[in-house]
Each structure stands twice: as C-alpha cells, then as structure tokens.
Amino acid sequence: MPSQRSDHSRSSSSSFWICHDGGHSQEIESRRISVHHLNSLLTTIFPSGSYEVDIDQNVYKIRAPRQISDMEIRRSSFSGRC
C-alpha cells in the first residue's frame, strides 16, 4: 500500500490519512512499537481482522476502520503484551 494515494485526504498529522471510503491509513515508525505489540494491539482493537499492515523502510503502514491513538500505542508498548 503506498503511503499516499489519490483517494486520501491528508489530515493535520503527517502520518495519518482519512480515506474517502471511510477507512483510515496511518504510518507508525517501527521503533515506536514492536511487531508483536502491534499485532496484539490490532487484534484487540479490531477483532474481526478489519485491518491491513505493510512495512516499508521500518514504517508500519496500517489501513483500518479508525486511527490508532498515541495512547493506545504507548499502552501496548509498555504493557508487556506480546
């Protein structure tokens, strides 16, 4: 998934887009959260599996029904969940 596509409108954050189809695209640097913590977080937030993740140059590119908040990322990273 490219980081920017013509069907996205850029929000005020440099790493978050609102898609015209109602979904969201978000980029998170891999140094902020491990792949194991990200997987645990995504399956907790979106148990139906309604998300996609690609990684490119140490950046997770996530497409999901909503943006993952910084608070959720911090909680997952420091909770010890894997």
Protein backbone atom coordinates (compact mmCIF):
# COMPACT_ATOMS: atom_id res chain seq x y z
CA MET A 1 0.00 0.00 0.00
CA PRO A 2 1.59 3.31 -0.97
CA SER A 3 1.92 5.88 1.80
CA GLN A 4 -0.19 8.36 -0.18
CA ARG A 5 -2.81 7.58 -2.78
CA SER A 6 -5.07 9.85 -4.76
CA ASP A 7 -8.13 8.65 -2.83
CA HIS A 8 -6.86 10.00 0.51
CA SER A 9 -7.18 13.43 2.10
CA ARG A 10 -4.26 14.43 4.29
CA SER A 11 -5.14 15.28 7.89
CA SER A 12 -3.22 17.65 10.13
CA SER A 13 -0.91 14.83 11.25
CA SER A 14 1.89 13.93 8.85
CA SER A 15 1.28 10.21 9.37
CA PHE A 16 -2.49 9.87 9.15
CA TRP A 17 -4.93 9.97 6.24
CA ILE A 18 -8.70 9.76 6.04
CA CYS A 19 -9.79 7.64 3.09
CA HIS A 20 -12.78 8.57 1.00
CA ASP A 21 -14.21 5.09 1.63
CA GLY A 22 -14.39 5.86 5.36
CA GLY A 23 -11.28 3.90 6.37
CA HIS A 24 -8.06 5.35 7.72
CA SER A 25 -4.43 4.97 6.73
CA GLN A 26 -1.74 5.57 9.28
CA GLU A 27 2.04 5.29 9.40
CA ILE A 28 3.85 4.36 12.60
CA GLU A 29 7.62 4.06 12.86
CA SER A 30 8.64 0.56 13.93
CA ARG A 31 10.86 2.00 16.69
CA ARG A 32 7.66 3.15 18.48
CA ILE A 33 6.12 -0.34 18.79
CA SER A 34 7.36 -3.87 18.13
CA VAL A 35 5.68 -6.04 15.54
CA HIS A 36 4.44 -8.34 18.34
CA HIS A 37 2.89 -5.48 20.31
CA LEU A 38 1.36 -4.02 17.14
CA ASN A 39 -0.20 -7.37 16.26
CA SER A 40 -1.62 -7.73 19.77
CA LEU A 41 -2.96 -4.18 19.71
CA LEU A 42 -4.60 -4.55 16.30
CA THR A 43 -6.26 -7.87 17.15
CA THR A 44 -7.57 -6.34 20.38
CA ILE A 45 -8.93 -3.18 18.74
CA PHE A 46 -10.18 -4.87 15.55
CA PRO A 47 -11.07 -8.49 16.49
CA SER A 48 -12.79 -9.05 13.14
CA GLY A 49 -9.43 -8.55 11.40
CA SER A 50 -10.62 -5.46 9.54
CA TYR A 51 -7.13 -4.02 9.06
CA GLU A 52 -4.12 -4.37 6.77
CA VAL A 53 -0.47 -3.78 7.63
CA ASP A 54 2.51 -3.36 5.35
CA ILE A 55 6.02 -2.46 6.43
CA ASP A 56 8.34 -0.35 4.32
CA GLN A 57 11.67 1.08 5.47
CA ASN A 58 10.90 0.49 9.16
CA VAL A 59 7.48 2.14 8.95
CA TYR A 60 4.24 0.23 9.53
CA LYS A 61 1.58 1.31 7.04
CA ILE A 62 -1.78 0.48 8.57
CA ARG A 63 -5.21 0.67 6.97
CA ALA A 64 -8.03 0.25 9.49
CA PRO A 65 -11.54 1.48 10.34
CA ARG A 66 -10.07 4.16 12.62
CA GLN A 67 -6.80 5.72 13.67
CA ILE A 68 -4.80 4.07 16.45
CA SER A 69 -4.21 6.69 19.13
CA ASP A 70 -0.81 7.55 20.59
CA MET A 71 -2.18 6.50 23.99
CA GLU A 72 -3.07 3.02 22.64
CA ILE A 73 0.41 2.67 21.13
CA ARG A 74 2.11 3.72 24.38
CA ARG A 75 -0.06 1.40 26.49
CA SER A 76 0.64 -1.55 24.21
CA SER A 77 4.38 -0.85 24.08
CA PHE A 78 4.74 -0.66 27.85
CA SER A 79 2.21 -3.29 28.90
CA GLY A 80 4.46 -6.23 28.15
CA ARG A 81 1.77 -7.87 26.00
CA CYS A 82 3.16 -9.87 23.09
